[in-house]
Amino acid sequence: MKNYQMILAAVDFSANSKQALARAKRMAEHYDAKLKVIHVTELPTYPVLEDIAITGLPGIWGDDLSIKLKEASQKKLSKMVEEAGVDPQSCEVVVGVAKQDIVRQAELINADLIIIGRRGLSAIQRLIGSTADSVIHQASCDVLAVNLGEG
């Protein structure tokens, strides 16, 4: 069995991600591993044409929106990790695209395990592929997708 040393928990404030955070905390304690918690705040998409949407491009949304979304997410993340008993210093909010930035952050910190909720907040994601599915396929490390009730 692998001895994990750096665990990245990706949360979106859904019930599944709360379970994933609880699991990540327990696994970090079990393996005496470092735990990093990330939330990726995505800027709203702007429909340009019927089949095309632009997201997060400079000039589409002002910096004010990005800052406000990041601040609101930071408050929610701080509350979530406090309730879970996780060190708030291990947490980070990133503005970007969750499917890409979770994997990117895992690579930056040399995570050997990503823990993520199997289903998040967006019901539409089930139709086009969940963030968890994308992370599982893109990550170079192990990924644990936690179901609600498995925490």
Protein backbone atom coordinates (compact mmCIF):
# COMPACT_ATOMS: atom_id res chain seq x y z
CA MET A 1 0.00 0.00 0.00
CA LYS A 2 1.25 3.44 -0.90
CA ASN A 3 2.30 5.78 1.89
CA TYR A 4 0.89 9.16 0.87
CA GLN A 5 2.93 12.20 1.85
CA MET A 6 1.06 15.12 0.23
CA ILE A 7 -2.72 15.07 -0.12
CA LEU A 8 -4.72 17.68 -2.04
CA ALA A 9 -8.40 17.99 -1.15
CA ALA A 10 -10.46 19.83 -3.75
CA VAL A 11 -13.73 21.29 -2.47
CA ASP A 12 -16.67 23.15 -4.01
CA PHE A 13 -18.76 23.54 -0.83
CA SER A 14 -21.19 20.75 -1.81
CA ALA A 15 -22.15 17.97 0.60
CA ASN A 16 -19.84 15.62 -1.32
CA SER A 17 -16.88 17.95 -0.93
CA LYS A 18 -17.50 18.20 2.82
CA GLN A 19 -17.32 14.40 2.93
CA ALA A 20 -14.17 14.50 0.79
CA LEU A 21 -12.56 17.01 3.16
CA ALA A 22 -13.38 14.84 6.17
CA ARG A 23 -11.87 11.82 4.39
CA ALA A 24 -8.78 13.82 3.39
CA LYS A 25 -8.23 14.93 6.97
CA ARG A 26 -8.47 11.36 8.27
CA MET A 27 -6.16 10.03 5.57
CA ALA A 28 -3.61 12.80 6.20
CA GLU A 29 -3.63 11.90 9.89
CA HIS A 30 -3.37 8.18 9.13
CA TYR A 31 -0.40 8.60 6.76
CA ASP A 32 1.12 11.52 8.69
CA ALA A 33 0.87 13.40 5.39
CA LYS A 34 0.63 17.10 4.63
CA LEU A 35 -2.83 18.28 3.63
CA LYS A 36 -3.58 21.12 1.24
CA VAL A 37 -7.16 22.22 0.56
CA ILE A 38 -8.10 24.04 -2.62
CA HIS A 39 -11.24 25.65 -3.97
CA VAL A 40 -11.30 26.81 -7.58
CA THR A 41 -13.61 29.75 -8.21
CA GLU A 42 -14.72 29.85 -11.81
CA LEU A 43 -15.74 33.08 -13.49
CA PRO A 44 -19.17 32.95 -15.12
CA THR A 45 -19.27 32.06 -18.78
CA TYR A 46 -20.45 34.63 -21.28
CA PRO A 47 -22.39 33.23 -24.24
CA VAL A 48 -21.03 34.78 -27.43
CA LEU A 49 -22.88 32.65 -29.96
CA GLU A 50 -25.32 29.80 -29.62
CA ASP A 51 -22.60 27.14 -29.51
CA ILE A 52 -19.67 29.16 -28.15
CA ALA A 53 -19.02 30.48 -24.67
CA ILE A 54 -16.06 32.48 -23.38
CA THR A 55 -14.95 32.13 -19.80
CA GLY A 56 -12.33 34.00 -17.85
CA LEU A 57 -10.84 35.89 -20.77
CA PRO A 58 -9.28 39.27 -19.95
CA GLY A 59 -11.67 42.11 -20.55
CA ILE A 60 -14.82 39.97 -20.49
CA TRP A 61 -15.26 40.22 -16.73
CA GLY A 62 -13.67 42.99 -14.71
CA ASP A 63 -11.10 42.40 -12.03
CA ASP A 64 -13.68 43.52 -9.45
CA LEU A 65 -15.81 40.44 -10.10
CA SER A 66 -12.82 38.14 -9.81
CA ILE A 67 -11.74 39.75 -6.53
CA LYS A 68 -15.25 39.64 -5.05
CA LEU A 69 -15.77 36.01 -6.02
CA LYS A 70 -12.40 35.05 -4.59
CA GLU A 71 -13.09 36.90 -1.31
CA ALA A 72 -16.52 35.26 -0.95
CA SER A 73 -15.01 31.85 -1.67
CA GLN A 74 -12.21 32.45 0.84
CA LYS A 75 -14.79 33.18 3.57
CA LYS A 76 -16.71 29.99 2.75
CA LEU A 77 -13.52 27.95 2.61
CA SER A 78 -12.30 29.33 5.94
CA LYS A 79 -15.61 28.40 7.56
CA MET A 80 -15.60 24.94 5.98
CA VAL A 81 -12.07 24.05 7.10
CA GLU A 82 -12.67 25.46 10.57
CA GLU A 83 -15.73 23.23 10.94
CA ALA A 84 -13.68 20.26 9.72
CA GLY A 85 -10.82 20.99 12.11
CA VAL A 86 -8.30 21.58 9.31
CA ASP A 87 -5.49 24.14 9.54
CA PRO A 88 -6.64 27.28 7.68
CA GLN A 89 -3.03 27.91 6.60
CA SER A 90 -3.29 24.85 4.34
CA CYS A 91 -6.09 26.36 2.27
CA GLU A 92 -6.08 28.27 -0.99
CA VAL A 93 -8.64 29.76 -3.35
CA VAL A 94 -7.69 29.90 -7.03
CA VAL A 95 -9.61 31.70 -9.77
CA GLY A 96 -9.64 29.51 -12.85
CA VAL A 97 -11.15 26.36 -14.30
CA ALA A 98 -11.58 23.59 -11.73
CA LYS A 99 -10.97 20.69 -14.13
CA GLN A 100 -7.59 22.13 -15.04
CA ASP A 101 -6.47 23.98 -11.94
CA ILE A 102 -6.99 21.10 -9.50
CA VAL A 103 -4.59 18.98 -11.55
CA ARG A 104 -2.20 21.92 -11.95
CA GLN A 105 -2.16 22.58 -8.20
CA ALA A 106 -1.55 18.90 -7.49
CA GLU A 107 1.48 19.01 -9.78
CA LEU A 108 2.76 22.25 -8.19
CA ILE A 109 2.74 20.80 -4.68
CA ASN A 110 3.81 17.30 -5.76
CA ALA A 111 0.63 15.74 -4.41
CA ASP A 112 0.55 11.99 -4.52
CA LEU A 113 -3.21 11.86 -3.83
CA ILE A 114 -6.12 14.10 -4.80
CA ILE A 115 -9.36 13.68 -2.88
CA ILE A 116 -12.49 15.15 -4.44
CA GLY A 117 -16.25 14.78 -4.07
CA ARG A 118 -17.70 12.52 -6.74
CA ARG A 119 -20.55 14.91 -7.44
CA GLY A 120 -20.41 18.65 -6.97
CA LEU A 121 -22.79 21.56 -7.06
CA SER A 122 -23.51 21.64 -10.80
CA ALA A 123 -26.21 19.29 -12.09
CA ILE A 124 -25.37 20.24 -15.69
CA GLN A 125 -21.88 18.81 -15.16
CA ARG A 126 -23.39 15.33 -14.98
CA LEU A 127 -24.42 15.70 -18.61
CA ILE A 128 -21.08 16.94 -19.93
CA GLY A 129 -18.72 15.20 -17.51
CA SER A 130 -17.98 16.02 -13.91
CA THR A 131 -14.94 17.78 -12.55
CA ALA A 132 -14.07 14.59 -10.67
CA ASP A 133 -14.15 12.56 -13.90
CA SER A 134 -11.87 15.04 -15.61
CA VAL A 135 -9.42 15.11 -12.69
CA ILE A 136 -9.33 11.31 -12.58
CA HIS A 137 -8.39 11.18 -16.27
CA GLN A 138 -5.84 14.03 -16.21
CA ALA A 139 -4.03 13.60 -12.89
CA SER A 140 -0.66 11.89 -12.75
CA CYS A 141 -1.24 10.88 -9.12
CA ASP A 142 -3.91 8.78 -7.40
CA VAL A 143 -7.39 10.28 -7.19
CA LEU A 144 -10.07 9.32 -4.68
CA ALA A 145 -13.63 10.38 -5.62
CA VAL A 146 -15.74 10.29 -2.44
CA ASN A 147 -19.47 9.50 -2.59
CA LEU A 148 -21.92 11.23 -0.28
CA GLY A 149 -22.27 9.09 2.80
CA GLU A 150 -18.81 7.56 2.50
CA GLY A 151 -17.00 10.37 4.38
